[in-house]
Amino acid sequence: MSRDKIIGAAIRVFSKEGYYRASMDVIAREADVAKGTLYYHFPTKLELFKSLVIEGMTMITDKIKNELNENTPVEIQLKKAIEANIDLYLEYGELAKIFFNELSSGIDADALAEIDDLKNEYISFIADILKSVSDNTKSSVNYNMVASGMLGMLDTVCKYYLKNNDKTTPGEIRDFMLEIISSWLYKRF
């Protein structure tokens, strides 16, 4: 229970303050736990940050994988993957902000490498969906780059929505992204 409270508090603090400005004292206060409890679960700020990023990315990937199944037509898998990415981004906006903004903030090289491996696995997961949807027979398409571009675009569009939710809806974002990715896969390549 206190570990979950600490993770939730850390997400809020890291999202607001950034990695460097966040302090374990502030996180303990935000979680409403004693500093000893915080340090029992996470001996360092880096361990806490690494844990929340890895657990967050794993949770998001697992949720998306659970939405898909191999018997679903690939076009539906693509649509579900885009919808799930958007829904999770909007539901876990603070966590998404950390993924996209804080993962290069001078974090320990080993921790950053572990996080990058997890991120690259996710990009490959999305790339495999895109590859199976595409009717492209050219082998020169770098689907990992396409997946990375799609995720970057999703990040930007979702940030736009979070700042301007009176000007658009999550449904419009889903339709826009599906149209862009579909036209890219079926017409451009």
C-alpha atoms as a PDB file:
ATOM      1  CA  MET A   1       0.000   0.000   0.000  1.00  0.00           C
ATOM      2  CA  SER A   2       2.666   2.545   0.942  1.00  0.00           C
ATOM      3  CA  ARG A   3       4.752   1.544  -2.075  1.00  0.00           C
ATOM      4  CA  ASP A   4       1.828   2.393  -4.368  1.00  0.00           C
ATOM      5  CA  LYS A   5       1.317   5.705  -2.550  1.00  0.00           C
ATOM      6  CA  ILE A   6       5.001   6.503  -3.024  1.00  0.00           C
ATOM      7  CA  ILE A   7       4.892   5.657  -6.750  1.00  0.00           C
ATOM      8  CA  GLY A   8       1.798   7.839  -7.222  1.00  0.00           C
ATOM      9  CA  ALA A   9       3.395  10.723  -5.326  1.00  0.00           C
ATOM     10  CA  ALA A  10       6.652  10.326  -7.259  1.00  0.00           C
ATOM     11  CA  ILE A  11       4.792  10.507 -10.563  1.00  0.00           C
ATOM     12  CA  ARG A  12       3.174  13.791  -9.521  1.00  0.00           C
ATOM     13  CA  VAL A  13       6.399  15.288  -8.161  1.00  0.00           C
ATOM     14  CA  PHE A  14       8.674  14.189 -11.033  1.00  0.00           C
ATOM     15  CA  SER A  15       6.065  15.348 -13.539  1.00  0.00           C
ATOM     16  CA  LYS A  16       5.821  18.782 -11.944  1.00  0.00           C
ATOM     17  CA  GLU A  17       9.410  19.354 -10.801  1.00  0.00           C
ATOM     18  CA  GLY A  18      11.477  17.230 -13.153  1.00  0.00           C
ATOM     19  CA  TYR A  19      14.031  14.671 -12.072  1.00  0.00           C
ATOM     20  CA  TYR A  20      16.723  17.036 -10.792  1.00  0.00           C
ATOM     21  CA  ARG A  21      14.514  19.423  -8.826  1.00  0.00           C
ATOM     22  CA  ALA A  22      12.412  16.670  -7.253  1.00  0.00           C
ATOM     23  CA  SER A  23      13.537  15.665  -3.788  1.00  0.00           C
ATOM     24  CA  MET A  24      12.897  12.588  -1.703  1.00  0.00           C
ATOM     25  CA  ASP A  25      11.629  14.862   1.110  1.00  0.00           C
ATOM     26  CA  VAL A  26       8.946  16.340  -1.145  1.00  0.00           C
ATOM     27  CA  ILE A  27       7.991  12.892  -2.437  1.00  0.00           C
ATOM     28  CA  ALA A  28       7.659  11.558   1.134  1.00  0.00           C
ATOM     29  CA  ARG A  29       5.434  14.528   2.082  1.00  0.00           C
ATOM     30  CA  GLU A  30       3.349  14.122  -1.076  1.00  0.00           C
ATOM     31  CA  ALA A  31       2.918  10.392  -0.358  1.00  0.00           C
ATOM     32  CA  ASP A  32       2.173  11.130   3.313  1.00  0.00           C
ATOM     33  CA  VAL A  33       4.735   8.567   4.453  1.00  0.00           C
ATOM     34  CA  ALA A  34       7.739   8.776   6.745  1.00  0.00           C
ATOM     35  CA  LYS A  35      11.092   9.246   5.048  1.00  0.00           C
ATOM     36  CA  GLY A  36      12.188   5.892   6.485  1.00  0.00           C
ATOM     37  CA  THR A  37       9.295   4.206   4.687  1.00  0.00           C
ATOM     38  CA  LEU A  38      10.268   5.904   1.444  1.00  0.00           C
ATOM     39  CA  TYR A  39      13.917   4.855   1.776  1.00  0.00           C
ATOM     40  CA  TYR A  40      12.907   1.325   2.778  1.00  0.00           C
ATOM     41  CA  HIS A  41      11.142   0.871  -0.579  1.00  0.00           C
ATOM     42  CA  PHE A  42      13.488   3.034  -2.671  1.00  0.00           C
ATOM     43  CA  PRO A  43      17.022   3.608  -1.330  1.00  0.00           C
ATOM     44  CA  THR A  44      17.731   6.416  -3.834  1.00  0.00           C
ATOM     45  CA  LYS A  45      15.856   8.880  -5.994  1.00  0.00           C
ATOM     46  CA  LEU A  46      17.289   7.149  -9.053  1.00  0.00           C
ATOM     47  CA  GLU A  47      15.908   3.769  -7.933  1.00  0.00           C
ATOM     48  CA  LEU A  48      12.497   5.346  -7.379  1.00  0.00           C
ATOM     49  CA  PHE A  49      12.551   7.065 -10.761  1.00  0.00           C
ATOM     50  CA  LYS A  50      13.741   3.947 -12.556  1.00  0.00           C
ATOM     51  CA  SER A  51      11.083   1.827 -10.857  1.00  0.00           C
ATOM     52  CA  LEU A  52       8.231   4.144 -11.748  1.00  0.00           C
ATOM     53  CA  VAL A  53       9.339   4.427 -15.374  1.00  0.00           C
ATOM     54  CA  ILE A  54       9.881   0.689 -15.829  1.00  0.00           C
ATOM     55  CA  GLU A  55       6.668  -0.265 -14.016  1.00  0.00           C
ATOM     56  CA  GLY A  56       4.729   2.426 -15.884  1.00  0.00           C
ATOM     57  CA  MET A  57       6.001   1.377 -19.300  1.00  0.00           C
ATOM     58  CA  THR A  58       5.362  -2.282 -18.486  1.00  0.00           C
ATOM     59  CA  MET A  59       1.804  -1.501 -17.337  1.00  0.00           C
ATOM     60  CA  ILE A  60       1.059   0.471 -20.501  1.00  0.00           C
ATOM     61  CA  THR A  61       2.549  -2.184 -22.780  1.00  0.00           C
ATOM     62  CA  ASP A  62       0.663  -4.953 -20.982  1.00  0.00           C
ATOM     63  CA  LYS A  63      -2.630  -3.053 -21.226  1.00  0.00           C
ATOM     64  CA  ILE A  64      -2.178  -2.562 -24.961  1.00  0.00           C
ATOM     65  CA  LYS A  65      -1.133  -6.190 -25.521  1.00  0.00           C
ATOM     66  CA  ASN A  66      -4.217  -7.319 -23.598  1.00  0.00           C
ATOM     67  CA  GLU A  67      -6.392  -5.262 -25.951  1.00  0.00           C
ATOM     68  CA  LEU A  68      -5.010  -7.154 -28.936  1.00  0.00           C
ATOM     69  CA  ASN A  69      -5.212 -10.778 -29.845  1.00  0.00           C
ATOM     70  CA  GLU A  70      -3.822 -12.712 -32.759  1.00  0.00           C
ATOM     71  CA  ASN A  71      -7.281 -13.579 -34.104  1.00  0.00           C
ATOM     72  CA  THR A  72      -8.132  -9.900 -34.546  1.00  0.00           C
ATOM     73  CA  PRO A  73      -7.619  -8.567 -38.084  1.00  0.00           C
ATOM     74  CA  VAL A  74      -4.427  -6.508 -38.273  1.00  0.00           C
ATOM     75  CA  GLU A  75      -6.271  -3.314 -39.254  1.00  0.00           C
ATOM     76  CA  ILE A  76      -8.328  -3.602 -36.055  1.00  0.00           C
ATOM     77  CA  GLN A  77      -5.138  -4.296 -34.100  1.00  0.00           C
ATOM     78  CA  LEU A  78      -3.655  -1.051 -35.425  1.00  0.00           C
ATOM     79  CA  LYS A  79      -6.798   0.871 -34.504  1.00  0.00           C
ATOM     80  CA  LYS A  80      -6.847  -0.673 -31.019  1.00  0.00           C
ATOM     81  CA  ALA A  81      -3.144   0.060 -30.513  1.00  0.00           C
ATOM     82  CA  ILE A  82      -3.636   3.727 -31.451  1.00  0.00           C
ATOM     83  CA  GLU A  83      -6.767   4.020 -29.295  1.00  0.00           C
ATOM     84  CA  ALA A  84      -5.077   2.340 -26.335  1.00  0.00           C
ATOM     85  CA  ASN A  85      -2.013   4.595 -26.630  1.00  0.00           C
ATOM     86  CA  ILE A  86      -4.189   7.698 -26.665  1.00  0.00           C
ATOM     87  CA  ASP A  87      -6.465   6.520 -23.851  1.00  0.00           C
ATOM     88  CA  LEU A  88      -3.538   5.551 -21.638  1.00  0.00           C
ATOM     89  CA  TYR A  89      -1.702   8.784 -22.410  1.00  0.00           C
ATOM     90  CA  LEU A  90      -4.741  10.824 -21.438  1.00  0.00           C
ATOM     91  CA  GLU A  91      -5.431   8.690 -18.354  1.00  0.00           C
ATOM     92  CA  TYR A  92      -1.805   8.705 -17.198  1.00  0.00           C
ATOM     93  CA  GLY A  93      -0.757  12.132 -18.493  1.00  0.00           C
ATOM     94  CA  GLU A  94       1.696  12.768 -15.682  1.00  0.00           C
ATOM     95  CA  LEU A  95       3.432   9.446 -16.291  1.00  0.00           C
ATOM     96  CA  ALA A  96       3.528  10.097 -20.039  1.00  0.00           C
ATOM     97  CA  LYS A  97       5.070  13.508 -19.398  1.00  0.00           C
ATOM     98  CA  ILE A  98       7.865  11.788 -17.485  1.00  0.00           C
ATOM     99  CA  PHE A  99       8.451   9.258 -20.287  1.00  0.00           C
ATOM    100  CA  PHE A 100       8.728  11.915 -22.942  1.00  0.00           C
ATOM    101  CA  ASN A 101      10.412  14.742 -21.019  1.00  0.00           C
ATOM    102  CA  GLU A 102      12.524  13.310 -18.230  1.00  0.00           C
ATOM    103  CA  LEU A 103      14.243  10.287 -19.711  1.00  0.00           C
ATOM    104  CA  SER A 104      17.357  12.188 -20.693  1.00  0.00           C
ATOM    105  CA  SER A 105      17.803  14.319 -17.584  1.00  0.00           C
ATOM    106  CA  GLY A 106      21.292  13.113 -16.729  1.00  0.00           C
ATOM    107  CA  ILE A 107      20.058   9.816 -15.352  1.00  0.00           C
ATOM    108  CA  ASP A 108      22.618   7.146 -14.524  1.00  0.00           C
ATOM    109  CA  ALA A 109      23.816   5.512 -17.750  1.00  0.00           C
ATOM    110  CA  ASP A 110      22.914   1.967 -16.637  1.00  0.00           C
ATOM    111  CA  ALA A 111      19.390   3.002 -15.597  1.00  0.00           C
ATOM    112  CA  LEU A 112      18.943   4.938 -18.829  1.00  0.00           C
ATOM    113  CA  ALA A 113      20.092   1.922 -20.843  1.00  0.00           C
ATOM    114  CA  GLU A 114      17.572  -0.316 -19.062  1.00  0.00           C
ATOM    115  CA  ILE A 115      14.780   2.193 -19.703  1.00  0.00           C
ATOM    116  CA  ASP A 116      15.863   2.616 -23.328  1.00  0.00           C
ATOM    117  CA  ASP A 117      15.752  -1.158 -23.828  1.00  0.00           C
ATOM    118  CA  LEU A 118      12.177  -1.229 -22.541  1.00  0.00           C
ATOM    119  CA  LYS A 119      11.217   1.718 -24.743  1.00  0.00           C
ATOM    120  CA  ASN A 120      12.824   0.043 -27.777  1.00  0.00           C
ATOM    121  CA  GLU A 121      10.898  -3.166 -27.056  1.00  0.00           C
ATOM    122  CA  TYR A 122       7.701  -1.137 -27.113  1.00  0.00           C
ATOM    123  CA  ILE A 123       8.681   0.563 -30.376  1.00  0.00           C
ATOM    124  CA  SER A 124       9.391  -2.882 -31.880  1.00  0.00           C
ATOM    125  CA  PHE A 125       6.010  -4.118 -30.646  1.00  0.00           C
ATOM    126  CA  ILE A 126       4.259  -1.232 -32.449  1.00  0.00           C
ATOM    127  CA  ALA A 127       6.520  -1.688 -35.502  1.00  0.00           C
ATOM    128  CA  ASP A 128       5.448  -5.327 -35.780  1.00  0.00           C
ATOM    129  CA  ILE A 129       1.791  -4.266 -35.842  1.00  0.00           C
ATOM    130  CA  LEU A 130       2.521  -1.632 -38.503  1.00  0.00           C
ATOM    131  CA  LYS A 131       4.491  -4.117 -40.583  1.00  0.00           C
ATOM    132  CA  SER A 132       1.680  -6.661 -40.488  1.00  0.00           C
ATOM    133  CA  VAL A 133      -0.874  -4.009 -41.500  1.00  0.00           C
ATOM    134  CA  SER A 134       1.160  -2.582 -44.359  1.00  0.00           C
ATOM    135  CA  ASP A 135       0.670  -4.037 -47.800  1.00  0.00           C
ATOM    136  CA  ASN A 136       4.129  -2.818 -48.676  1.00  0.00           C
ATOM    137  CA  THR A 137       6.409  -5.307 -50.332  1.00  0.00           C
ATOM    138  CA  LYS A 138       9.473  -3.079 -50.182  1.00  0.00           C
ATOM    139  CA  SER A 139      11.941  -4.317 -47.616  1.00  0.00           C
ATOM    140  CA  SER A 140      13.612  -0.918 -47.217  1.00  0.00           C
ATOM    141  CA  VAL A 141      10.929   0.485 -44.885  1.00  0.00           C
ATOM    142  CA  ASN A 142      12.243   0.952 -41.359  1.00  0.00           C
ATOM    143  CA  TYR A 143       9.131   0.108 -39.350  1.00  0.00           C
ATOM    144  CA  ASN A 144      10.870   0.916 -36.067  1.00  0.00           C
ATOM    145  CA  MET A 145      11.379   4.449 -37.353  1.00  0.00           C
ATOM    146  CA  VAL A 146       7.730   4.611 -38.462  1.00  0.00           C
ATOM    147  CA  ALA A 147       6.617   3.375 -35.020  1.00  0.00           C
ATOM    148  CA  SER A 148       8.867   5.885 -33.279  1.00  0.00           C
ATOM    149  CA  GLY A 149       7.467   8.679 -35.448  1.00  0.00           C
ATOM    150  CA  MET A 150       3.915   7.557 -34.721  1.00  0.00           C
ATOM    151  CA  LEU A 151       4.555   7.527 -30.970  1.00  0.00           C
ATOM    152  CA  GLY A 152       6.184  10.965 -31.173  1.00  0.00           C
ATOM    153  CA  MET A 153       3.177  12.269 -33.076  1.00  0.00           C
ATOM    154  CA  LEU A 154       0.833  10.710 -30.511  1.00  0.00           C
ATOM    155  CA  ASP A 155       2.794  12.441 -27.755  1.00  0.00           C
ATOM    156  CA  THR A 156       2.500  15.823 -29.453  1.00  0.00           C
ATOM    157  CA  VAL A 157      -1.197  15.455 -30.311  1.00  0.00           C
ATOM    158  CA  CYS A 158      -2.054  14.291 -26.792  1.00  0.00           C
ATOM    159  CA  LYS A 159      -0.094  17.199 -25.276  1.00  0.00           C
ATOM    160  CA  TYR A 160      -2.102  19.499 -27.530  1.00  0.00           C
ATOM    161  CA  TYR A 161      -5.331  17.943 -26.281  1.00  0.00           C
ATOM    162  CA  LEU A 162      -4.312  18.243 -22.621  1.00  0.00           C
ATOM    163  CA  LYS A 163      -3.659  21.965 -23.092  1.00  0.00           C
ATOM    164  CA  ASN A 164      -6.640  22.591 -25.423  1.00  0.00           C
ATOM    165  CA  ASN A 165      -9.316  20.088 -24.447  1.00  0.00           C
ATOM    166  CA  ASP A 166     -11.967  22.679 -25.214  1.00  0.00           C
ATOM    167  CA  LYS A 167     -10.910  22.669 -28.898  1.00  0.00           C
ATOM    168  CA  THR A 168     -10.858  18.941 -29.662  1.00  0.00           C
ATOM    169  CA  THR A 169     -11.899  15.551 -28.309  1.00  0.00           C
ATOM    170  CA  PRO A 170     -10.104  12.240 -27.755  1.00  0.00           C
ATOM    171  CA  GLY A 171     -12.255  10.811 -30.577  1.00  0.00           C
ATOM    172  CA  GLU A 172     -10.951  13.448 -32.993  1.00  0.00           C
ATOM    173  CA  ILE A 173      -7.401  12.608 -31.957  1.00  0.00           C
ATOM    174  CA  ARG A 174      -8.033   8.887 -32.559  1.00  0.00           C
ATOM    175  CA  ASP A 175      -9.580   9.553 -35.977  1.00  0.00           C
ATOM    176  CA  PHE A 176      -6.747  11.915 -36.948  1.00  0.00           C
ATOM    177  CA  MET A 177      -4.003   9.488 -35.921  1.00  0.00           C
ATOM    178  CA  LEU A 178      -5.688   6.524 -37.589  1.00  0.00           C
ATOM    179  CA  GLU A 179      -6.092   8.499 -40.817  1.00  0.00           C
ATOM    180  CA  ILE A 180      -2.468   9.666 -40.786  1.00  0.00           C
ATOM    181  CA  ILE A 181      -1.029   6.226 -40.034  1.00  0.00           C
ATOM    182  CA  SER A 182      -3.361   4.423 -42.455  1.00  0.00           C
ATOM    183  CA  SER A 183      -2.603   6.799 -45.319  1.00  0.00           C
ATOM    184  CA  TRP A 184       1.074   6.521 -44.543  1.00  0.00           C
ATOM    185  CA  LEU A 185       1.002   2.740 -44.587  1.00  0.00           C
ATOM    186  CA  TYR A 186      -1.284   2.230 -47.571  1.00  0.00           C
ATOM    187  CA  LYS A 187      -0.408   5.100 -49.867  1.00  0.00           C
ATOM    188  CA  ARG A 188       3.018   6.469 -49.120  1.00  0.00           C
ATOM    189  CA  PHE A 189       5.099   3.314 -49.018  1.00  0.00           C
END
